[in-house]
Amino acid sequence: MMTRTITVAAIQSSFGPDMKANLDKVEAFVCDAAKENAQVILPPELFQGIYFPTRQDPKWFETAYGVGEHPCVRALQKLAKSLEVVIPISFFEKEGPRHYNSVAIADTDGEILGVYRKSHIPDGPGYQEKYYFRPGDTGFKAWKTRHGTIGVGICWDQWYPEAARAMMLEGAELLLYPTAIGTEPYDATLDTSGRWQRVMQGHAVANAVPVVAANRIGVEDNDGVSQSYYGHSFVADHAGDLVAQFGSTDEGVLVARFDLDALARYRAEWGFFRDRRTDLYAKGLV
């Protein structure tokens, strides 16, 4: 019997204010990853431009599009089809009068399987997302792609074990997190990259699943508000070990391969899902 495997990739890059230049860069990295046989390729969060929620400005609402209209979604759909890869595409979504921080899942035929809308919306110095985005209404999902079943959360979602577990309970075989995170404006000495990695490594261990995180790098200026993004994108295996990782300045793609059948056996053997006590969890969790 043929073994089911999956090869995944995370893109790490700097981005600027020009959407076309950013799209060209992401498309080139997707092609690089495909040359290394990657089947699921993850760009960072909101790669179309600078990370604009560092400040509140209504002009940014003009950069939101419907899922079928966004130039980057449409372009990467075509690329996914031509390369026969899966691309979770982060974008600023507009649906009627509502705005979301979303990911469209492009399968290998270029079709959009659906949209996940970021559930946990941060609101603090440098990350003023509640001004722009409504909390997502899609719930956590697992997407059955041609190459495997993936769960996708977005940035702040990655800090919540409930989100990872919910995607696993939907059948995810791999967890992916597009991200835009870096310095904290109130404390320039605070570097959260280590704890950022560790919390997701914990999700990998507790759910016996590989985790992929793609972050941006570089310093961006948003009309006088400057913020630095620390990179450290990584791929962790089912035991939480980092099997591929970048530093704070690297640009490129990380690629790793996993045996999905072996992972399923490991997950069953460890009994994390067998021994859950849902009868005890409700109290105090809401």
C-alpha atoms as a PDB file:
ATOM      1  CA  MET A   1       0.000   0.000   0.000  1.00  0.00           C
ATOM      2  CA  MET A   2       1.337   3.434  -0.946  1.00  0.00           C
ATOM      3  CA  THR A   3       2.378   5.669   1.962  1.00  0.00           C
ATOM      4  CA  ARG A   4       0.690   9.063   2.149  1.00  0.00           C
ATOM      5  CA  THR A   5       3.235  11.854   2.442  1.00  0.00           C
ATOM      6  CA  ILE A   6       3.039  15.628   2.323  1.00  0.00           C
ATOM      7  CA  THR A   7       5.733  18.213   1.621  1.00  0.00           C
ATOM      8  CA  VAL A   8       5.100  21.652   3.058  1.00  0.00           C
ATOM      9  CA  ALA A   9       6.775  25.024   2.730  1.00  0.00           C
ATOM     10  CA  ALA A  10       6.743  28.335   4.623  1.00  0.00           C
ATOM     11  CA  ILE A  11       7.665  31.623   2.960  1.00  0.00           C
ATOM     12  CA  GLN A  12       9.536  34.302   4.919  1.00  0.00           C
ATOM     13  CA  SER A  13      10.061  37.712   3.345  1.00  0.00           C
ATOM     14  CA  SER A  14       9.999  41.465   3.742  1.00  0.00           C
ATOM     15  CA  PHE A  15       7.144  43.405   2.162  1.00  0.00           C
ATOM     16  CA  GLY A  16       6.563  46.996   1.108  1.00  0.00           C
ATOM     17  CA  PRO A  17       3.690  49.254   0.075  1.00  0.00           C
ATOM     18  CA  ASP A  18       3.500  48.075  -3.568  1.00  0.00           C
ATOM     19  CA  MET A  19       1.016  45.210  -3.984  1.00  0.00           C
ATOM     20  CA  LYS A  20       2.356  44.064  -7.342  1.00  0.00           C
ATOM     21  CA  ALA A  21       5.937  43.928  -6.083  1.00  0.00           C
ATOM     22  CA  ASN A  22       4.832  41.914  -3.056  1.00  0.00           C
ATOM     23  CA  LEU A  23       2.788  39.560  -5.206  1.00  0.00           C
ATOM     24  CA  ASP A  24       5.693  39.071  -7.607  1.00  0.00           C
ATOM     25  CA  LYS A  25       7.945  38.206  -4.669  1.00  0.00           C
ATOM     26  CA  VAL A  26       5.474  35.683  -3.233  1.00  0.00           C
ATOM     27  CA  GLU A  27       4.893  34.095  -6.637  1.00  0.00           C
ATOM     28  CA  ALA A  28       8.651  33.672  -7.099  1.00  0.00           C
ATOM     29  CA  PHE A  29       8.960  32.012  -3.682  1.00  0.00           C
ATOM     30  CA  VAL A  30       6.003  29.727  -4.426  1.00  0.00           C
ATOM     31  CA  CYS A  31       7.780  28.631  -7.595  1.00  0.00           C
ATOM     32  CA  ASP A  32      10.998  28.067  -5.633  1.00  0.00           C
ATOM     33  CA  ALA A  33       9.117  25.909  -3.118  1.00  0.00           C
ATOM     34  CA  ALA A  34       7.419  23.935  -5.894  1.00  0.00           C
ATOM     35  CA  LYS A  35      10.843  23.203  -7.403  1.00  0.00           C
ATOM     36  CA  GLU A  36      11.695  21.592  -4.052  1.00  0.00           C
ATOM     37  CA  ASN A  37       8.550  19.446  -4.422  1.00  0.00           C
ATOM     38  CA  ALA A  38       6.487  21.391  -1.888  1.00  0.00           C
ATOM     39  CA  GLN A  39       2.789  20.583  -2.183  1.00  0.00           C
ATOM     40  CA  VAL A  40       1.347  23.018   0.389  1.00  0.00           C
ATOM     41  CA  ILE A  41       2.968  26.465   0.399  1.00  0.00           C
ATOM     42  CA  LEU A  42       2.223  29.100   3.047  1.00  0.00           C
ATOM     43  CA  PRO A  43       2.832  32.855   2.538  1.00  0.00           C
ATOM     44  CA  PRO A  44       2.783  35.237   5.551  1.00  0.00           C
ATOM     45  CA  GLU A  45      -0.230  37.160   6.831  1.00  0.00           C
ATOM     46  CA  LEU A  46      -1.458  40.122   4.741  1.00  0.00           C
ATOM     47  CA  PHE A  47       1.541  39.933   2.415  1.00  0.00           C
ATOM     48  CA  GLN A  48      -0.109  42.277  -0.113  1.00  0.00           C
ATOM     49  CA  GLY A  49       1.364  45.340   1.587  1.00  0.00           C
ATOM     50  CA  ILE A  50       2.825  46.586   4.813  1.00  0.00           C
ATOM     51  CA  TYR A  51       1.160  45.375   7.986  1.00  0.00           C
ATOM     52  CA  PHE A  52      -1.187  48.375   8.211  1.00  0.00           C
ATOM     53  CA  PRO A  53      -2.882  47.810  11.624  1.00  0.00           C
ATOM     54  CA  THR A  54       0.057  49.472  13.404  1.00  0.00           C
ATOM     55  CA  ARG A  55      -2.155  52.581  13.356  1.00  0.00           C
ATOM     56  CA  GLN A  56      -5.767  53.496  12.660  1.00  0.00           C
ATOM     57  CA  ASP A  57      -6.436  55.091   9.294  1.00  0.00           C
ATOM     58  CA  PRO A  58      -9.652  54.674   7.282  1.00  0.00           C
ATOM     59  CA  LYS A  59      -7.740  54.752   3.987  1.00  0.00           C
ATOM     60  CA  TRP A  60      -6.814  51.096   4.437  1.00  0.00           C
ATOM     61  CA  PHE A  61     -10.430  49.984   4.068  1.00  0.00           C
ATOM     62  CA  GLU A  62      -9.995  50.767   0.368  1.00  0.00           C
ATOM     63  CA  THR A  63      -7.541  47.874   0.116  1.00  0.00           C
ATOM     64  CA  ALA A  64     -10.147  45.244   1.058  1.00  0.00           C
ATOM     65  CA  TYR A  65     -11.762  43.063  -1.619  1.00  0.00           C
ATOM     66  CA  GLY A  66     -14.220  40.228  -1.889  1.00  0.00           C
ATOM     67  CA  VAL A  67     -12.623  36.805  -2.115  1.00  0.00           C
ATOM     68  CA  GLY A  68     -13.403  36.501  -5.816  1.00  0.00           C
ATOM     69  CA  GLU A  69     -12.120  39.988  -6.597  1.00  0.00           C
ATOM     70  CA  HIS A  70      -8.837  40.300  -4.729  1.00  0.00           C
ATOM     71  CA  PRO A  71      -5.940  40.590  -7.215  1.00  0.00           C
ATOM     72  CA  CYS A  72      -3.634  38.435  -5.081  1.00  0.00           C
ATOM     73  CA  VAL A  73      -6.216  35.710  -4.521  1.00  0.00           C
ATOM     74  CA  ARG A  74      -6.952  35.545  -8.232  1.00  0.00           C
ATOM     75  CA  ALA A  75      -3.276  35.498  -9.206  1.00  0.00           C
ATOM     76  CA  LEU A  76      -2.311  32.805  -6.699  1.00  0.00           C
ATOM     77  CA  GLN A  77      -5.321  30.684  -7.674  1.00  0.00           C
ATOM     78  CA  LYS A  78      -3.889  30.526 -11.184  1.00  0.00           C
ATOM     79  CA  LEU A  79      -0.421  29.747  -9.884  1.00  0.00           C
ATOM     80  CA  ALA A  80      -1.751  26.998  -7.613  1.00  0.00           C
ATOM     81  CA  LYS A  81      -3.409  25.382 -10.631  1.00  0.00           C
ATOM     82  CA  SER A  82      -0.372  25.669 -12.885  1.00  0.00           C
ATOM     83  CA  LEU A  83       1.953  24.164 -10.248  1.00  0.00           C
ATOM     84  CA  GLU A  84      -0.639  21.759  -8.782  1.00  0.00           C
ATOM     85  CA  VAL A  85       0.011  23.026  -5.255  1.00  0.00           C
ATOM     86  CA  VAL A  86      -2.144  24.187  -2.371  1.00  0.00           C
ATOM     87  CA  ILE A  87      -1.783  27.833  -1.265  1.00  0.00           C
ATOM     88  CA  PRO A  88      -3.548  29.316   1.793  1.00  0.00           C
ATOM     89  CA  ILE A  89      -3.861  32.960   0.675  1.00  0.00           C
ATOM     90  CA  SER A  90      -4.064  35.618   3.396  1.00  0.00           C
ATOM     91  CA  PHE A  91      -6.020  38.736   2.372  1.00  0.00           C
ATOM     92  CA  PHE A  92      -8.046  41.701   3.667  1.00  0.00           C
ATOM     93  CA  GLU A  93     -11.626  40.629   2.953  1.00  0.00           C
ATOM     94  CA  LYS A  94     -14.666  42.815   2.354  1.00  0.00           C
ATOM     95  CA  GLU A  95     -18.122  41.243   2.450  1.00  0.00           C
ATOM     96  CA  GLY A  96     -20.815  43.885   2.138  1.00  0.00           C
ATOM     97  CA  PRO A  97     -20.181  46.397   4.951  1.00  0.00           C
ATOM     98  CA  ARG A  98     -18.090  43.871   6.904  1.00  0.00           C
ATOM     99  CA  HIS A  99     -14.306  43.469   6.920  1.00  0.00           C
ATOM    100  CA  TYR A 100     -12.283  40.432   7.954  1.00  0.00           C
ATOM    101  CA  ASN A 101      -8.693  39.209   8.167  1.00  0.00           C
ATOM    102  CA  SER A 102      -9.090  36.080   6.067  1.00  0.00           C
ATOM    103  CA  VAL A 103      -7.434  33.179   4.306  1.00  0.00           C
ATOM    104  CA  ALA A 104      -8.707  31.673   1.049  1.00  0.00           C
ATOM    105  CA  ILE A 105      -7.671  28.053   0.480  1.00  0.00           C
ATOM    106  CA  ALA A 106      -6.622  27.506  -3.144  1.00  0.00           C
ATOM    107  CA  ASP A 107      -6.467  23.825  -4.056  1.00  0.00           C
ATOM    108  CA  THR A 108      -4.363  22.251  -6.795  1.00  0.00           C
ATOM    109  CA  ASP A 109      -7.027  22.876  -9.449  1.00  0.00           C
ATOM    110  CA  GLY A 110      -7.087  26.573  -8.615  1.00  0.00           C
ATOM    111  CA  GLU A 111     -10.504  26.385  -6.988  1.00  0.00           C
ATOM    112  CA  ILE A 112     -11.100  28.152  -3.673  1.00  0.00           C
ATOM    113  CA  LEU A 113     -12.257  25.505  -1.201  1.00  0.00           C
ATOM    114  CA  GLY A 114     -13.519  28.207   1.153  1.00  0.00           C
ATOM    115  CA  VAL A 115     -12.489  31.026   3.444  1.00  0.00           C
ATOM    116  CA  TYR A 116     -11.364  31.060   7.060  1.00  0.00           C
ATOM    117  CA  ARG A 117     -11.806  34.352   8.937  1.00  0.00           C
ATOM    118  CA  LYS A 118      -9.455  35.134  11.806  1.00  0.00           C
ATOM    119  CA  SER A 119     -11.237  34.379  15.075  1.00  0.00           C
ATOM    120  CA  HIS A 120      -9.024  36.097  17.645  1.00  0.00           C
ATOM    121  CA  ILE A 121      -8.528  39.795  16.860  1.00  0.00           C
ATOM    122  CA  PRO A 122      -5.782  41.596  18.828  1.00  0.00           C
ATOM    123  CA  ASP A 123      -6.073  45.179  20.003  1.00  0.00           C
ATOM    124  CA  GLY A 124      -2.967  46.803  21.439  1.00  0.00           C
ATOM    125  CA  PRO A 125       0.015  48.987  20.567  1.00  0.00           C
ATOM    126  CA  GLY A 126       1.275  48.083  17.123  1.00  0.00           C
ATOM    127  CA  TYR A 127      -1.518  45.561  16.503  1.00  0.00           C
ATOM    128  CA  GLN A 128      -4.738  47.593  16.325  1.00  0.00           C
ATOM    129  CA  GLU A 129      -6.708  45.030  14.372  1.00  0.00           C
ATOM    130  CA  LYS A 130     -10.084  45.560  16.029  1.00  0.00           C
ATOM    131  CA  TYR A 131     -10.324  48.883  14.208  1.00  0.00           C
ATOM    132  CA  TYR A 132     -10.238  47.056  10.873  1.00  0.00           C
ATOM    133  CA  PHE A 133     -11.485  43.504  11.339  1.00  0.00           C
ATOM    134  CA  ARG A 134     -14.611  41.895  12.737  1.00  0.00           C
ATOM    135  CA  PRO A 135     -14.029  38.678  14.690  1.00  0.00           C
ATOM    136  CA  GLY A 136     -14.329  35.782  12.265  1.00  0.00           C
ATOM    137  CA  ASP A 137     -17.647  33.969  11.941  1.00  0.00           C
ATOM    138  CA  THR A 138     -16.499  30.845  10.103  1.00  0.00           C
ATOM    139  CA  GLY A 139     -15.355  28.762  13.037  1.00  0.00           C
ATOM    140  CA  PHE A 140     -12.245  26.613  12.845  1.00  0.00           C
ATOM    141  CA  LYS A 141     -12.034  24.332   9.850  1.00  0.00           C
ATOM    142  CA  ALA A 142     -10.030  21.529   8.293  1.00  0.00           C
ATOM    143  CA  TRP A 143      -9.707  21.676   4.526  1.00  0.00           C
ATOM    144  CA  LYS A 144      -9.534  18.453   2.502  1.00  0.00           C
ATOM    145  CA  THR A 145      -7.076  19.347  -0.225  1.00  0.00           C
ATOM    146  CA  ARG A 146      -5.648  17.067  -2.869  1.00  0.00           C
ATOM    147  CA  HIS A 147      -2.452  16.667  -0.859  1.00  0.00           C
ATOM    148  CA  GLY A 148      -3.888  16.309   2.648  1.00  0.00           C
ATOM    149  CA  THR A 149      -6.220  17.849   5.201  1.00  0.00           C
ATOM    150  CA  ILE A 150      -4.974  21.159   6.576  1.00  0.00           C
ATOM    151  CA  GLY A 151      -6.075  23.476   9.353  1.00  0.00           C
ATOM    152  CA  VAL A 152      -5.257  27.172   9.021  1.00  0.00           C
ATOM    153  CA  GLY A 153      -5.287  29.771  11.799  1.00  0.00           C
ATOM    154  CA  ILE A 154      -4.083  33.356  11.457  1.00  0.00           C
ATOM    155  CA  CYS A 155      -1.427  34.993  13.670  1.00  0.00           C
ATOM    156  CA  TRP A 156      -3.101  35.760  17.038  1.00  0.00           C
ATOM    157  CA  ASP A 157      -5.049  32.489  16.656  1.00  0.00           C
ATOM    158  CA  GLN A 158      -1.731  30.676  17.056  1.00  0.00           C
ATOM    159  CA  TRP A 159      -1.519  31.515  20.747  1.00  0.00           C
ATOM    160  CA  TYR A 160      -4.737  29.644  21.589  1.00  0.00           C
ATOM    161  CA  PRO A 161      -4.582  25.880  22.215  1.00  0.00           C
ATOM    162  CA  GLU A 162      -8.360  25.714  21.739  1.00  0.00           C
ATOM    163  CA  ALA A 163      -7.965  26.805  18.107  1.00  0.00           C
ATOM    164  CA  ALA A 164      -5.376  24.133  17.356  1.00  0.00           C
ATOM    165  CA  ARG A 165      -7.467  21.440  19.046  1.00  0.00           C
ATOM    166  CA  ALA A 166     -10.634  22.522  17.238  1.00  0.00           C
ATOM    167  CA  MET A 167      -8.922  22.181  13.858  1.00  0.00           C
ATOM    168  CA  MET A 168      -7.607  18.752  14.838  1.00  0.00           C
ATOM    169  CA  LEU A 169     -11.077  17.614  15.878  1.00  0.00           C
ATOM    170  CA  GLU A 170     -12.243  18.589  12.387  1.00  0.00           C
ATOM    171  CA  GLY A 171      -9.655  16.200  10.954  1.00  0.00           C
ATOM    172  CA  ALA A 172      -6.589  18.361  10.276  1.00  0.00           C
ATOM    173  CA  GLU A 173      -3.348  16.509   9.503  1.00  0.00           C
ATOM    174  CA  LEU A 174      -1.232  19.669   9.445  1.00  0.00           C
ATOM    175  CA  LEU A 175      -1.621  23.081  11.130  1.00  0.00           C
ATOM    176  CA  LEU A 176      -0.540  26.270   9.349  1.00  0.00           C
ATOM    177  CA  TYR A 177      -0.313  29.820  10.696  1.00  0.00           C
ATOM    178  CA  PRO A 178       0.366  32.833   8.429  1.00  0.00           C
ATOM    179  CA  THR A 179       1.736  35.586  10.655  1.00  0.00           C
ATOM    180  CA  ALA A 180       2.780  39.235  10.967  1.00  0.00           C
ATOM    181  CA  ILE A 181       4.519  39.724  14.312  1.00  0.00           C
ATOM    182  CA  GLY A 182       7.532  41.566  15.605  1.00  0.00           C
ATOM    183  CA  THR A 183       8.500  44.282  18.041  1.00  0.00           C
ATOM    184  CA  GLU A 184       6.286  45.639  20.796  1.00  0.00           C
ATOM    185  CA  PRO A 185       6.118  49.466  20.556  1.00  0.00           C
ATOM    186  CA  TYR A 186       5.809  49.865  24.324  1.00  0.00           C
ATOM    187  CA  ASP A 187       9.024  47.889  24.982  1.00  0.00           C
ATOM    188  CA  ALA A 188      11.712  47.848  22.293  1.00  0.00           C
ATOM    189  CA  THR A 189      13.758  45.342  24.317  1.00  0.00           C
ATOM    190  CA  LEU A 190      11.019  42.708  24.371  1.00  0.00           C
ATOM    191  CA  ASP A 191      11.600  39.862  21.905  1.00  0.00           C
ATOM    192  CA  THR A 192       8.687  37.412  21.909  1.00  0.00           C
ATOM    193  CA  SER A 193      10.010  35.219  19.099  1.00  0.00           C
ATOM    194  CA  GLY A 194      11.032  32.417  21.457  1.00  0.00           C
ATOM    195  CA  ARG A 195       7.711  32.160  23.240  1.00  0.00           C
ATOM    196  CA  TRP A 196       5.931  32.599  19.886  1.00  0.00           C
ATOM    197  CA  GLN A 197       7.681  29.495  18.604  1.00  0.00           C
ATOM    198  CA  ARG A 198       7.256  27.545  21.841  1.00  0.00           C
ATOM    199  CA  VAL A 199       3.504  27.984  22.093  1.00  0.00           C
ATOM    200  CA  MET A 200       3.061  26.474  18.637  1.00  0.00           C
ATOM    201  CA  GLN A 201       5.577  23.733  19.379  1.00  0.00           C
ATOM    202  CA  GLY A 202       3.275  22.927  22.301  1.00  0.00           C
ATOM    203  CA  HIS A 203       0.327  22.641  19.911  1.00  0.00           C
ATOM    204  CA  ALA A 204       2.405  20.230  17.833  1.00  0.00           C
ATOM    205  CA  VAL A 205       3.156  18.051  20.866  1.00  0.00           C
ATOM    206  CA  ALA A 206      -0.352  18.102  22.355  1.00  0.00           C
ATOM    207  CA  ASN A 207      -1.985  17.267  19.029  1.00  0.00           C
ATOM    208  CA  ALA A 208       0.754  15.051  17.558  1.00  0.00           C
ATOM    209  CA  VAL A 209       0.753  17.138  14.392  1.00  0.00           C
ATOM    210  CA  PRO A 210       3.300  19.154  12.368  1.00  0.00           C
ATOM    211  CA  VAL A 211       2.968  22.936  12.607  1.00  0.00           C
ATOM    212  CA  VAL A 212       4.065  25.488  10.005  1.00  0.00           C
ATOM    213  CA  ALA A 213       4.407  29.233  10.732  1.00  0.00           C
ATOM    214  CA  ALA A 214       5.280  31.870   8.104  1.00  0.00           C
ATOM    215  CA  ASN A 215       6.239  35.367   9.300  1.00  0.00           C
ATOM    216  CA  ARG A 216       7.519  38.554   7.661  1.00  0.00           C
ATOM    217  CA  ILE A 217      10.777  40.375   8.309  1.00  0.00           C
ATOM    218  CA  GLY A 218      12.154  43.886   8.041  1.00  0.00           C
ATOM    219  CA  VAL A 219      11.244  47.364   9.253  1.00  0.00           C
ATOM    220  CA  GLU A 220       8.062  48.944   7.901  1.00  0.00           C
ATOM    221  CA  ASP A 221       6.924  52.560   8.120  1.00  0.00           C
ATOM    222  CA  ASN A 222       3.207  53.336   8.290  1.00  0.00           C
ATOM    223  CA  ASP A 223       2.939  57.123   8.016  1.00  0.00           C
ATOM    224  CA  GLY A 224       5.456  57.705  10.785  1.00  0.00           C
ATOM    225  CA  VAL A 225       4.768  54.562  12.810  1.00  0.00           C
ATOM    226  CA  SER A 226       7.729  52.200  12.474  1.00  0.00           C
ATOM    227  CA  GLN A 227       7.647  48.532  13.355  1.00  0.00           C
ATOM    228  CA  SER A 228      10.139  45.694  12.952  1.00  0.00           C
ATOM    229  CA  TYR A 229       9.114  42.088  12.192  1.00  0.00           C
ATOM    230  CA  TYR A 230      11.251  39.316  13.606  1.00  0.00           C
ATOM    231  CA  GLY A 231      10.837  36.421  11.200  1.00  0.00           C
ATOM    232  CA  HIS A 232      11.834  33.116  12.844  1.00  0.00           C
ATOM    233  CA  SER A 233       9.430  31.213  10.606  1.00  0.00           C
ATOM    234  CA  PHE A 234       9.605  27.480  11.221  1.00  0.00           C
ATOM    235  CA  VAL A 235       8.316  23.990  10.661  1.00  0.00           C
ATOM    236  CA  ALA A 236       7.881  21.795  13.746  1.00  0.00           C
ATOM    237  CA  ASP A 237       7.257  18.078  13.647  1.00  0.00           C
ATOM    238  CA  HIS A 238       4.675  16.101  15.642  1.00  0.00           C
ATOM    239  CA  ALA A 239       7.023  16.010  18.648  1.00  0.00           C
ATOM    240  CA  GLY A 240       7.470  19.787  18.619  1.00  0.00           C
ATOM    241  CA  ASP A 241      11.039  19.646  17.337  1.00  0.00           C
ATOM    242  CA  LEU A 242      12.025  22.359  14.870  1.00  0.00           C
ATOM    243  CA  VAL A 243      12.909  20.548  11.651  1.00  0.00           C
ATOM    244  CA  ALA A 244      13.371  23.767   9.641  1.00  0.00           C
ATOM    245  CA  GLN A 245      13.658  27.374  10.762  1.00  0.00           C
ATOM    246  CA  PHE A 246      14.786  30.827   9.682  1.00  0.00           C
ATOM    247  CA  GLY A 247      16.385  33.596  11.700  1.00  0.00           C
ATOM    248  CA  SER A 248      15.355  37.233  11.874  1.00  0.00           C
ATOM    249  CA  THR A 249      16.699  38.363   8.502  1.00  0.00           C
ATOM    250  CA  ASP A 250      16.440  35.348   6.175  1.00  0.00           C
ATOM    251  CA  GLU A 251      14.272  35.474   3.085  1.00  0.00           C
ATOM    252  CA  GLY A 252      13.207  32.357   1.246  1.00  0.00           C
ATOM    253  CA  VAL A 253      11.332  29.097   1.727  1.00  0.00           C
ATOM    254  CA  LEU A 254      11.506  26.396   4.366  1.00  0.00           C
ATOM    255  CA  VAL A 255      10.585  22.920   3.137  1.00  0.00           C
ATOM    256  CA  ALA A 256       9.840  19.754   5.119  1.00  0.00           C
ATOM    257  CA  ARG A 257       8.301  16.380   4.299  1.00  0.00           C
ATOM    258  CA  PHE A 258       6.043  14.271   6.528  1.00  0.00           C
ATOM    259  CA  ASP A 259       4.597  10.762   6.421  1.00  0.00           C
ATOM    260  CA  LEU A 260       0.875  11.253   7.092  1.00  0.00           C
ATOM    261  CA  ASP A 261       0.191   7.572   7.709  1.00  0.00           C
ATOM    262  CA  ALA A 262       2.977   7.321  10.276  1.00  0.00           C
ATOM    263  CA  LEU A 263       1.674  10.473  11.966  1.00  0.00           C
ATOM    264  CA  ALA A 264      -1.841   9.006  12.164  1.00  0.00           C
ATOM    265  CA  ARG A 265      -0.465   5.852  13.817  1.00  0.00           C
ATOM    266  CA  TYR A 266       1.577   7.926  16.265  1.00  0.00           C
ATOM    267  CA  ARG A 267      -1.454  10.038  17.153  1.00  0.00           C
ATOM    268  CA  ALA A 268      -3.557   6.946  17.837  1.00  0.00           C
ATOM    269  CA  GLU A 269      -0.784   5.279  19.850  1.00  0.00           C
ATOM    270  CA  TRP A 270      -0.316   8.233  22.200  1.00  0.00           C
ATOM    271  CA  GLY A 271      -4.034   8.421  22.973  1.00  0.00           C
ATOM    272  CA  PHE A 272      -4.352  12.182  23.301  1.00  0.00           C
ATOM    273  CA  PHE A 273      -7.714  12.092  21.568  1.00  0.00           C
ATOM    274  CA  ARG A 274      -8.816   8.755  23.036  1.00  0.00           C
ATOM    275  CA  ASP A 275      -8.385   9.999  26.601  1.00  0.00           C
ATOM    276  CA  ARG A 276     -10.062  13.397  26.279  1.00  0.00           C
ATOM    277  CA  ARG A 277     -12.641  14.081  29.013  1.00  0.00           C
ATOM    278  CA  THR A 278     -15.161  16.302  27.320  1.00  0.00           C
ATOM    279  CA  ASP A 279     -17.568  15.712  30.205  1.00  0.00           C
ATOM    280  CA  LEU A 280     -15.200  17.713  32.451  1.00  0.00           C
ATOM    281  CA  TYR A 281     -14.158  20.503  30.106  1.00  0.00           C
ATOM    282  CA  ALA A 282     -17.246  22.705  29.843  1.00  0.00           C
ATOM    283  CA  LYS A 283     -17.085  24.242  33.330  1.00  0.00           C
ATOM    284  CA  GLY A 284     -14.824  27.252  33.444  1.00  0.00           C
ATOM    285  CA  LEU A 285     -13.927  27.213  29.759  1.00  0.00           C
ATOM    286  CA  VAL A 286     -16.462  29.773  28.557  1.00  0.00           C
END
